């Protein structure tokens, strides 16, 4: 397997450039719109019970999965919206430097 770590002088993807997943997501959303959006999806799901099963399977994969944690003490979880951080906390890039 090729060495995928960045070498000195290789800054990686330019800042602001979309990654492959972002491009795929945008293309899938465009296809969704062209196929009728929500109304088209509802019509498709109602056509056949197999379609309804496929629809529910897709939804189940998109929902967050339960997290089980064993702890003997207090567990504190802080959820911070992307692009923000608590006062005094370093950003992800600052924390890894």
PDB file of N, CA and C in Angstrom:
ATOM      1  N   UNK A   1       0.845  -1.180   0.000  1.00  0.00           N
ATOM      2  CA  UNK A   1       0.000   0.000   0.000  1.00  0.00           C
ATOM      3  C   UNK A   1       0.890   1.243   0.000  1.00  0.00           C
ATOM      4  N   UNK A   2       0.503   2.239  -0.736  1.00  0.00           N
ATOM      5  CA  UNK A   2       1.292   3.461  -0.846  1.00  0.00           C
ATOM      6  C   UNK A   2       1.254   4.237   0.465  1.00  0.00           C
ATOM      7  N   UNK A   3       2.338   4.939   0.737  1.00  0.00           N
ATOM      8  CA  UNK A   3       2.412   5.800   1.913  1.00  0.00           C
ATOM      9  C   UNK A   3       1.526   7.013   1.649  1.00  0.00           C
ATOM     10  N   UNK A   4       0.478   7.199   2.453  1.00  0.00           N
ATOM     11  CA  UNK A   4      -0.478   8.278   2.203  1.00  0.00           C
ATOM     12  C   UNK A   4      -0.251   9.499   3.080  1.00  0.00           C
ATOM     13  N   UNK A   5       0.758   9.463   3.936  1.00  0.00           N
ATOM     14  CA  UNK A   5       1.012  10.619   4.794  1.00  0.00           C
ATOM     15  C   UNK A   5       1.565  11.761   3.953  1.00  0.00           C
ATOM     16  N   UNK A   6       1.193  12.968   4.337  1.00  0.00           N
ATOM     17  CA  UNK A   6       1.678  14.136   3.615  1.00  0.00           C
ATOM     18  C   UNK A   6       3.171  14.308   3.834  1.00  0.00           C
ATOM     19  N   UNK A   7       3.845  14.608   2.780  1.00  0.00           N
ATOM     20  CA  UNK A   7       5.276  14.879   2.829  1.00  0.00           C
ATOM     21  C   UNK A   7       5.476  16.385   2.981  1.00  0.00           C
ATOM     22  N   UNK A   8       6.637  16.815   3.475  1.00  0.00           N
ATOM     23  CA  UNK A   8       6.899  18.253   3.567  1.00  0.00           C
ATOM     24  C   UNK A   8       6.708  18.913   2.199  1.00  0.00           C
ATOM     25  N   UNK A   9       6.027  20.049   2.204  1.00  0.00           N
ATOM     26  CA  UNK A   9       5.773  20.765   0.957  1.00  0.00           C
ATOM     27  C   UNK A   9       4.467  20.356   0.293  1.00  0.00           C
ATOM     28  N   UNK A  10       3.794  19.347   0.823  1.00  0.00           N
ATOM     29  CA  UNK A  10       2.502  18.923   0.280  1.00  0.00           C
ATOM     30  C   UNK A  10       1.427  19.327   1.279  1.00  0.00           C
ATOM     31  N   UNK A  11       0.736  20.435   1.028  1.00  0.00           N
ATOM     32  CA  UNK A  11      -0.241  20.917   1.997  1.00  0.00           C
ATOM     33  C   UNK A  11      -1.568  20.164   1.972  1.00  0.00           C
ATOM     34  N   UNK A  12      -1.762  19.257   1.024  1.00  0.00           N
ATOM     35  CA  UNK A  12      -3.027  18.528   0.946  1.00  0.00           C
ATOM     36  C   UNK A  12      -4.051  19.290   0.135  1.00  0.00           C
ATOM     37  N   UNK A  13      -5.314  19.011   0.387  1.00  0.00           N
ATOM     38  CA  UNK A  13      -6.402  19.643  -0.359  1.00  0.00           C
ATOM     39  C   UNK A  13      -6.432  21.133  -0.026  1.00  0.00           C
ATOM     40  N   UNK A  14      -6.583  21.982  -1.049  1.00  0.00           N
ATOM     41  CA  UNK A  14      -6.634  23.425  -0.785  1.00  0.00           C
ATOM     42  C   UNK A  14      -7.811  23.794   0.122  1.00  0.00           C
ATOM     43  N   UNK A  15      -7.620  24.777   0.961  1.00  0.00           N
ATOM     44  CA  UNK A  15      -8.664  25.221   1.878  1.00  0.00           C
ATOM     45  C   UNK A  15      -9.889  25.640   1.065  1.00  0.00           C
ATOM     46  N   UNK A  16     -11.039  25.147   1.469  1.00  0.00           N
ATOM     47  CA  UNK A  16     -12.287  25.484   0.792  1.00  0.00           C
ATOM     48  C   UNK A  16     -12.667  24.529  -0.324  1.00  0.00           C
ATOM     49  N   UNK A  17     -11.750  23.663  -0.748  1.00  0.00           N
ATOM     50  CA  UNK A  17     -12.056  22.699  -1.804  1.00  0.00           C
ATOM     51  C   UNK A  17     -12.929  21.590  -1.222  1.00  0.00           C
ATOM     52  N   UNK A  18     -13.967  21.205  -1.964  1.00  0.00           N
ATOM     53  CA  UNK A  18     -14.877  20.160  -1.492  1.00  0.00           C
ATOM     54  C   UNK A  18     -14.205  18.798  -1.588  1.00  0.00           C
ATOM     55  N   UNK A  19     -14.434  17.961  -0.593  1.00  0.00           N
ATOM     56  CA  UNK A  19     -13.906  16.610  -0.669  1.00  0.00           C
ATOM     57  C   UNK A  19     -14.859  15.734  -1.476  1.00  0.00           C
ATOM     58  N   UNK A  20     -14.478  14.493  -1.730  1.00  0.00           N
ATOM     59  CA  UNK A  20     -15.290  13.611  -2.573  1.00  0.00           C
ATOM     60  C   UNK A  20     -16.645  13.325  -1.957  1.00  0.00           C
ATOM     61  N   UNK A  21     -16.712  13.180  -0.635  1.00  0.00           N
ATOM     62  CA  UNK A  21     -17.995  12.900  -0.002  1.00  0.00           C
ATOM     63  C   UNK A  21     -18.947  14.081  -0.178  1.00  0.00           C
ATOM     64  N   UNK A  22     -18.448  15.294  -0.019  1.00  0.00           N
ATOM     65  CA  UNK A  22     -19.286  16.480  -0.179  1.00  0.00           C
ATOM     66  C   UNK A  22     -19.840  16.539  -1.596  1.00  0.00           C
ATOM     67  N   UNK A  23     -18.991  16.254  -2.577  1.00  0.00           N
ATOM     68  CA  UNK A  23     -19.431  16.263  -3.979  1.00  0.00           C
ATOM     69  C   UNK A  23     -20.497  15.195  -4.202  1.00  0.00           C
ATOM     70  N   UNK A  24     -20.286  13.988  -3.682  1.00  0.00           N
ATOM     71  CA  UNK A  24     -21.259  12.909  -3.821  1.00  0.00           C
ATOM     72  C   UNK A  24     -22.579  13.281  -3.157  1.00  0.00           C
ATOM     73  N   UNK A  25     -22.515  13.852  -1.962  1.00  0.00           N
ATOM     74  CA  UNK A  25     -23.732  14.267  -1.253  1.00  0.00           C
ATOM     75  C   UNK A  25     -24.516  15.272  -2.079  1.00  0.00           C
ATOM     76  N   UNK A  26     -23.820  16.263  -2.623  1.00  0.00           N
ATOM     77  CA  UNK A  26     -24.491  17.286  -3.423  1.00  0.00           C
ATOM     78  C   UNK A  26     -25.133  16.683  -4.671  1.00  0.00           C
ATOM     79  N   UNK A  27     -24.442  15.742  -5.296  1.00  0.00           N
ATOM     80  CA  UNK A  27     -24.986  15.089  -6.487  1.00  0.00           C
ATOM     81  C   UNK A  27     -26.208  14.235  -6.140  1.00  0.00           C
ATOM     82  N   UNK A  28     -26.161  13.550  -5.001  1.00  0.00           N
ATOM     83  CA  UNK A  28     -27.310  12.746  -4.580  1.00  0.00           C
ATOM     84  C   UNK A  28     -28.518  13.643  -4.259  1.00  0.00           C
ATOM     85  N   UNK A  29     -28.277  14.778  -3.641  1.00  0.00           N
ATOM     86  CA  UNK A  29     -29.376  15.702  -3.351  1.00  0.00           C
ATOM     87  C   UNK A  29     -29.973  16.267  -4.634  1.00  0.00           C
ATOM     88  N   UNK A  30     -29.123  16.533  -5.631  1.00  0.00           N
ATOM     89  CA  UNK A  30     -29.627  17.009  -6.919  1.00  0.00           C
ATOM     90  C   UNK A  30     -30.486  15.927  -7.582  1.00  0.00           C
ATOM     91  N   UNK A  31     -30.023  14.680  -7.546  1.00  0.00           N
ATOM     92  CA  UNK A  31     -30.799  13.577  -8.117  1.00  0.00           C
ATOM     93  C   UNK A  31     -32.130  13.428  -7.378  1.00  0.00           C
ATOM     94  N   UNK A  32     -32.105  13.559  -6.058  1.00  0.00           N
ATOM     95  CA  UNK A  32     -33.322  13.496  -5.255  1.00  0.00           C
ATOM     96  C   UNK A  32     -34.322  14.555  -5.722  1.00  0.00           C
ATOM     97  N   UNK A  33     -33.846  15.779  -5.917  1.00  0.00           N
ATOM     98  CA  UNK A  33     -34.719  16.860  -6.389  1.00  0.00           C
ATOM     99  C   UNK A  33     -35.281  16.557  -7.774  1.00  0.00           C
ATOM    100  N   UNK A  34     -34.426  16.070  -8.676  1.00  0.00           N
ATOM    101  CA  UNK A  34     -34.863  15.778 -10.050  1.00  0.00           C
ATOM    102  C   UNK A  34     -35.876  14.633 -10.096  1.00  0.00           C
ATOM    103  N   UNK A  35     -35.803  13.724  -9.134  1.00  0.00           N
ATOM    104  CA  UNK A  35     -36.726  12.592  -9.098  1.00  0.00           C
ATOM    105  C   UNK A  35     -38.029  12.912  -8.369  1.00  0.00           C
ATOM    106  N   UNK A  36     -38.215  14.157  -7.990  1.00  0.00           N
ATOM    107  CA  UNK A  36     -39.478  14.557  -7.381  1.00  0.00           C
ATOM    108  C   UNK A  36     -39.394  14.945  -5.931  1.00  0.00           C
ATOM    109  N   UNK A  37     -38.200  14.933  -5.357  1.00  0.00           N
ATOM    110  CA  UNK A  37     -38.036  15.359  -3.975  1.00  0.00           C
ATOM    111  C   UNK A  37     -38.841  14.505  -3.019  1.00  0.00           C
ATOM    112  N   UNK A  38     -39.397  15.132  -1.989  1.00  0.00           N
ATOM    113  CA  UNK A  38     -40.149  14.414  -0.959  1.00  0.00           C
ATOM    114  C   UNK A  38     -41.391  13.760  -1.568  1.00  0.00           C
ATOM    115  N   UNK A  39     -42.098  14.490  -2.421  1.00  0.00           N
ATOM    116  CA  UNK A  39     -43.310  13.920  -3.024  1.00  0.00           C
ATOM    117  C   UNK A  39     -42.977  12.687  -3.866  1.00  0.00           C
ATOM    118  N   UNK A  40     -41.885  12.744  -4.623  1.00  0.00           N
ATOM    119  CA  UNK A  40     -41.466  11.600  -5.423  1.00  0.00           C
ATOM    120  C   UNK A  40     -41.094  10.404  -4.553  1.00  0.00           C
ATOM    121  N   UNK A  41     -40.433  10.666  -3.427  1.00  0.00           N
ATOM    122  CA  UNK A  41     -40.051   9.587  -2.513  1.00  0.00           C
ATOM    123  C   UNK A  41     -41.277   8.941  -1.881  1.00  0.00           C
ATOM    124  N   UNK A  42     -42.233   9.751  -1.474  1.00  0.00           N
ATOM    125  CA  UNK A  42     -43.470   9.225  -0.888  1.00  0.00           C
ATOM    126  C   UNK A  42     -44.222   8.394  -1.924  1.00  0.00           C
ATOM    127  N   UNK A  43     -44.327   8.892  -3.142  1.00  0.00           N
ATOM    128  CA  UNK A  43     -45.008   8.153  -4.212  1.00  0.00           C
ATOM    129  C   UNK A  43     -44.326   6.800  -4.449  1.00  0.00           C
ATOM    130  N   UNK A  44     -42.996   6.799  -4.507  1.00  0.00           N
ATOM    131  CA  UNK A  44     -42.232   5.561  -4.706  1.00  0.00           C
ATOM    132  C   UNK A  44     -42.487   4.570  -3.565  1.00  0.00           C
ATOM    133  N   UNK A  45     -42.450   5.058  -2.326  1.00  0.00           N
ATOM    134  CA  UNK A  45     -42.630   4.179  -1.173  1.00  0.00           C
ATOM    135  C   UNK A  45     -44.034   3.583  -1.141  1.00  0.00           C
ATOM    136  N   UNK A  46     -45.022   4.330  -1.594  1.00  0.00           N
ATOM    137  CA  UNK A  46     -46.411   3.847  -1.562  1.00  0.00           C
ATOM    138  C   UNK A  46     -46.723   2.863  -2.689  1.00  0.00           C
ATOM    139  N   UNK A  47     -45.894   2.825  -3.720  1.00  0.00           N
ATOM    140  CA  UNK A  47     -46.164   1.947  -4.862  1.00  0.00           C
ATOM    141  C   UNK A  47     -46.087   0.473  -4.500  1.00  0.00           C
ATOM    142  N   UNK A  48     -45.251   0.120  -3.534  1.00  0.00           N
ATOM    143  CA  UNK A  48     -44.995  -1.293  -3.257  1.00  0.00           C
ATOM    144  C   UNK A  48     -44.526  -1.440  -1.809  1.00  0.00           C
ATOM    145  N   UNK A  49     -44.968  -2.506  -1.160  1.00  0.00           N
ATOM    146  CA  UNK A  49     -44.550  -2.717   0.231  1.00  0.00           C
ATOM    147  C   UNK A  49     -43.044  -2.974   0.320  1.00  0.00           C
ATOM    148  N   UNK A  50     -42.432  -3.540  -0.728  1.00  0.00           N
ATOM    149  CA  UNK A  50     -40.972  -3.706  -0.732  1.00  0.00           C
ATOM    150  C   UNK A  50     -40.275  -2.345  -0.708  1.00  0.00           C
ATOM    151  N   UNK A  51     -40.853  -1.384  -1.414  1.00  0.00           N
ATOM    152  CA  UNK A  51     -40.283  -0.032  -1.406  1.00  0.00           C
ATOM    153  C   UNK A  51     -40.378   0.587  -0.015  1.00  0.00           C
ATOM    154  N   UNK A  52     -41.502   0.340   0.657  1.00  0.00           N
ATOM    155  CA  UNK A  52     -41.648   0.867   2.016  1.00  0.00           C
ATOM    156  C   UNK A  52     -40.600   0.256   2.938  1.00  0.00           C
ATOM    157  N   UNK A  53     -40.362  -1.039   2.793  1.00  0.00           N
ATOM    158  CA  UNK A  53     -39.329  -1.693   3.598  1.00  0.00           C
ATOM    159  C   UNK A  53     -37.958  -1.109   3.323  1.00  0.00           C
ATOM    160  N   UNK A  54     -37.657  -0.852   2.041  1.00  0.00           N
ATOM    161  CA  UNK A  54     -36.372  -0.254   1.679  1.00  0.00           C
ATOM    162  C   UNK A  54     -36.261   1.154   2.255  1.00  0.00           C
ATOM    163  N   UNK A  55     -37.371   1.897   2.224  1.00  0.00           N
ATOM    164  CA  UNK A  55     -37.374   3.250   2.771  1.00  0.00           C
ATOM    165  C   UNK A  55     -37.072   3.224   4.275  1.00  0.00           C
ATOM    166  N   UNK A  56     -37.754   2.338   5.009  1.00  0.00           N
ATOM    167  CA  UNK A  56     -37.524   2.258   6.452  1.00  0.00           C
ATOM    168  C   UNK A  56     -36.109   1.783   6.770  1.00  0.00           C
ATOM    169  N   UNK A  57     -35.568   0.911   5.937  1.00  0.00           N
ATOM    170  CA  UNK A  57     -34.184   0.458   6.142  1.00  0.00           C
ATOM    171  C   UNK A  57     -33.211   1.623   5.958  1.00  0.00           C
ATOM    172  N   UNK A  58     -33.476   2.485   4.952  1.00  0.00           N
ATOM    173  CA  UNK A  58     -32.610   3.659   4.738  1.00  0.00           C
ATOM    174  C   UNK A  58     -32.680   4.602   5.937  1.00  0.00           C
ATOM    175  N   UNK A  59     -33.890   4.839   6.422  1.00  0.00           N
ATOM    176  CA  UNK A  59     -34.068   5.737   7.574  1.00  0.00           C
ATOM    177  C   UNK A  59     -33.350   5.169   8.797  1.00  0.00           C
ATOM    178  N   UNK A  60     -33.471   3.871   9.016  1.00  0.00           N
ATOM    179  CA  UNK A  60     -32.828   3.250  10.180  1.00  0.00           C
ATOM    180  C   UNK A  60     -31.317   3.420  10.135  1.00  0.00           C
ATOM    181  N   UNK A  61     -30.729   3.373   8.948  1.00  0.00           N
ATOM    182  CA  UNK A  61     -29.274   3.552   8.833  1.00  0.00           C
ATOM    183  C   UNK A  61     -28.858   4.998   9.078  1.00  0.00           C
ATOM    184  N   UNK A  62     -29.770   5.943   8.886  1.00  0.00           N
ATOM    185  CA  UNK A  62     -29.439   7.358   9.066  1.00  0.00           C
ATOM    186  C   UNK A  62     -29.586   7.829  10.509  1.00  0.00           C
ATOM    187  N   UNK A  63     -30.358   7.108  11.310  1.00  0.00           N
ATOM    188  CA  UNK A  63     -30.577   7.526  12.695  1.00  0.00           C
ATOM    189  C   UNK A  63     -29.345   7.250  13.544  1.00  0.00           C
ATOM    190  N   UNK A  64     -29.104   8.084  14.549  1.00  0.00           N
ATOM    191  CA  UNK A  64     -27.955   7.835  15.423  1.00  0.00           C
ATOM    192  C   UNK A  64     -28.132   6.516  16.171  1.00  0.00           C
ATOM    193  N   UNK A  65     -27.046   5.830  16.368  1.00  0.00           N
ATOM    194  CA  UNK A  65     -27.078   4.559  17.093  1.00  0.00           C
ATOM    195  C   UNK A  65     -26.907   4.832  18.585  1.00  0.00           C
ATOM    196  N   UNK A  66     -27.536   3.985  19.417  1.00  0.00           N
ATOM    197  CA  UNK A  66     -27.359   4.160  20.856  1.00  0.00           C
ATOM    198  C   UNK A  66     -25.891   3.952  21.250  1.00  0.00           C
ATOM    199  N   UNK A  67     -25.455   4.694  22.223  1.00  0.00           N
ATOM    200  CA  UNK A  67     -24.092   4.569  22.727  1.00  0.00           C
ATOM    201  C   UNK A  67     -24.175   4.031  24.147  1.00  0.00           C
ATOM    202  N   UNK A  68     -23.474   2.943  24.390  1.00  0.00           N
ATOM    203  CA  UNK A  68     -23.436   2.377  25.736  1.00  0.00           C
ATOM    204  C   UNK A  68     -22.040   2.592  26.306  1.00  0.00           C
ATOM    205  N   UNK A  69     -21.985   3.151  27.505  1.00  0.00           N
ATOM    206  CA  UNK A  69     -20.706   3.436  28.146  1.00  0.00           C
ATOM    207  C   UNK A  69     -20.755   2.902  29.572  1.00  0.00           C
ATOM    208  N   UNK A  70     -19.751   2.120  29.925  1.00  0.00           N
ATOM    209  CA  UNK A  70     -19.644   1.641  31.300  1.00  0.00           C
ATOM    210  C   UNK A  70     -18.702   2.593  32.041  1.00  0.00           C
ATOM    211  N   UNK A  71     -19.166   3.112  33.158  1.00  0.00           N
ATOM    212  CA  UNK A  71     -18.364   4.073  33.899  1.00  0.00           C
ATOM    213  C   UNK A  71     -18.594   3.876  35.386  1.00  0.00           C
ATOM    214  N   UNK A  72     -17.522   4.012  36.142  1.00  0.00           N
ATOM    215  CA  UNK A  72     -17.651   3.901  37.593  1.00  0.00           C
ATOM    216  C   UNK A  72     -17.731   5.271  38.252  1.00  0.00           C
ATOM    217  N   UNK A  73     -17.640   6.291  37.462  1.00  0.00           N
ATOM    218  CA  UNK A  73     -17.696   7.644  37.999  1.00  0.00           C
ATOM    219  C   UNK A  73     -18.622   8.485  37.148  1.00  0.00           C
ATOM    220  N   UNK A  74     -18.479   9.758  37.286  1.00  0.00           N
ATOM    221  CA  UNK A  74     -19.297  10.694  36.540  1.00  0.00           C
ATOM    222  C   UNK A  74     -18.754  10.814  35.122  1.00  0.00           C
ATOM    223  N   UNK A  75     -19.627  10.780  34.143  1.00  0.00           N
ATOM    224  CA  UNK A  75     -19.249  10.929  32.746  1.00  0.00           C
ATOM    225  C   UNK A  75     -19.870  12.216  32.236  1.00  0.00           C
ATOM    226  N   UNK A  76     -19.041  13.123  31.764  1.00  0.00           N
ATOM    227  CA  UNK A  76     -19.530  14.395  31.257  1.00  0.00           C
ATOM    228  C   UNK A  76     -19.303  14.441  29.755  1.00  0.00           C
ATOM    229  N   UNK A  77     -20.360  14.684  29.024  1.00  0.00           N
ATOM    230  CA  UNK A  77     -20.279  14.795  27.570  1.00  0.00           C
ATOM    231  C   UNK A  77     -20.690  16.205  27.196  1.00  0.00           C
ATOM    232  N   UNK A  78     -19.842  16.869  26.445  1.00  0.00           N
ATOM    233  CA  UNK A  78     -20.130  18.226  26.003  1.00  0.00           C
ATOM    234  C   UNK A  78     -20.274  18.190  24.490  1.00  0.00           C
ATOM    235  N   UNK A  79     -21.424  18.625  23.997  1.00  0.00           N
ATOM    236  CA  UNK A  79     -21.657  18.683  22.555  1.00  0.00           C
ATOM    237  C   UNK A  79     -21.523  20.131  22.138  1.00  0.00           C
ATOM    238  N   UNK A  80     -20.602  20.373  21.219  1.00  0.00           N
ATOM    239  CA  UNK A  80     -20.321  21.726  20.767  1.00  0.00           C
ATOM    240  C   UNK A  80     -20.661  21.819  19.289  1.00  0.00           C
ATOM    241  N   UNK A  81     -21.515  22.763  18.888  1.00  0.00           N
ATOM    242  CA  UNK A  81     -21.839  22.910  17.472  1.00  0.00           C
ATOM    243  C   UNK A  81     -20.576  23.158  16.644  1.00  0.00           C
ATOM    244  N   UNK A  82     -20.568  22.608  15.439  1.00  0.00           N
ATOM    245  CA  UNK A  82     -19.415  22.769  14.558  1.00  0.00           C
ATOM    246  C   UNK A  82     -19.156  24.252  14.316  1.00  0.00           C
ATOM    247  N   UNK A  83     -17.902  24.629  14.353  1.00  0.00           N
ATOM    248  CA  UNK A  83     -17.519  26.019  14.114  1.00  0.00           C
ATOM    249  C   UNK A  83     -17.485  26.859  15.375  1.00  0.00           C
ATOM    250  N   UNK A  84     -17.839  26.261  16.511  1.00  0.00           N
ATOM    251  CA  UNK A  84     -17.786  26.994  17.779  1.00  0.00           C
ATOM    252  C   UNK A  84     -16.967  26.180  18.761  1.00  0.00           C
ATOM    253  N   UNK A  85     -16.580  26.796  19.851  1.00  0.00           N
ATOM    254  CA  UNK A  85     -15.876  26.069  20.900  1.00  0.00           C
ATOM    255  C   UNK A  85     -16.052  26.835  22.211  1.00  0.00           C
ATOM    256  N   UNK A  86     -16.005  26.130  23.321  1.00  0.00           N
ATOM    257  CA  UNK A  86     -16.134  26.809  24.615  1.00  0.00           C
ATOM    258  C   UNK A  86     -14.993  27.809  24.802  1.00  0.00           C
ATOM    259  N   UNK A  87     -15.235  28.894  25.522  1.00  0.00           N
ATOM    260  CA  UNK A  87     -14.180  29.881  25.754  1.00  0.00           C
ATOM    261  C   UNK A  87     -12.949  29.240  26.383  1.00  0.00           C
ATOM    262  N   UNK A  88     -11.788  29.556  25.858  1.00  0.00           N
ATOM    263  CA  UNK A  88     -10.531  29.050  26.412  1.00  0.00           C
ATOM    264  C   UNK A  88     -10.115  27.688  25.872  1.00  0.00           C
ATOM    265  N   UNK A  89     -10.969  27.028  25.121  1.00  0.00           N
ATOM    266  CA  UNK A  89     -10.636  25.714  24.554  1.00  0.00           C
ATOM    267  C   UNK A  89      -9.950  25.904  23.208  1.00  0.00           C
ATOM    268  N   UNK A  90      -8.906  25.150  22.939  1.00  0.00           N
ATOM    269  CA  UNK A  90      -8.251  25.274  21.630  1.00  0.00           C
ATOM    270  C   UNK A  90      -9.113  24.644  20.538  1.00  0.00           C
ATOM    271  N   UNK A  91      -8.946  25.130  19.306  1.00  0.00           N
ATOM    272  CA  UNK A  91      -9.637  24.500  18.189  1.00  0.00           C
ATOM    273  C   UNK A  91      -8.991  23.158  17.925  1.00  0.00           C
ATOM    274  N   UNK A  92      -9.608  22.339  17.094  1.00  0.00           N
ATOM    275  CA  UNK A  92      -9.035  21.012  16.788  1.00  0.00           C
ATOM    276  C   UNK A  92      -7.638  21.145  16.221  1.00  0.00           C
ATOM    277  N   UNK A  93      -7.427  22.111  15.333  1.00  0.00           N
ATOM    278  CA  UNK A  93      -6.083  22.258  14.737  1.00  0.00           C
ATOM    279  C   UNK A  93      -5.072  22.732  15.775  1.00  0.00           C
ATOM    280  N   UNK A  94      -5.510  23.572  16.729  1.00  0.00           N
ATOM    281  CA  UNK A  94      -4.599  24.038  17.764  1.00  0.00           C
ATOM    282  C   UNK A  94      -4.275  22.917  18.732  1.00  0.00           C
ATOM    283  N   UNK A  95      -5.234  22.030  18.993  1.00  0.00           N
ATOM    284  CA  UNK A  95      -5.038  20.972  19.966  1.00  0.00           C
ATOM    285  C   UNK A  95      -4.076  19.897  19.460  1.00  0.00           C
ATOM    286  N   UNK A  96      -3.979  19.744  18.135  1.00  0.00           N
ATOM    287  CA  UNK A  96      -3.125  18.697  17.591  1.00  0.00           C
ATOM    288  C   UNK A  96      -1.707  19.176  17.287  1.00  0.00           C
ATOM    289  N   UNK A  97      -1.477  20.445  17.409  1.00  0.00           N
ATOM    290  CA  UNK A  97      -0.140  20.979  17.098  1.00  0.00           C
ATOM    291  C   UNK A  97       0.814  20.772  18.244  1.00  0.00           C
TER     292      UNK A  97
END
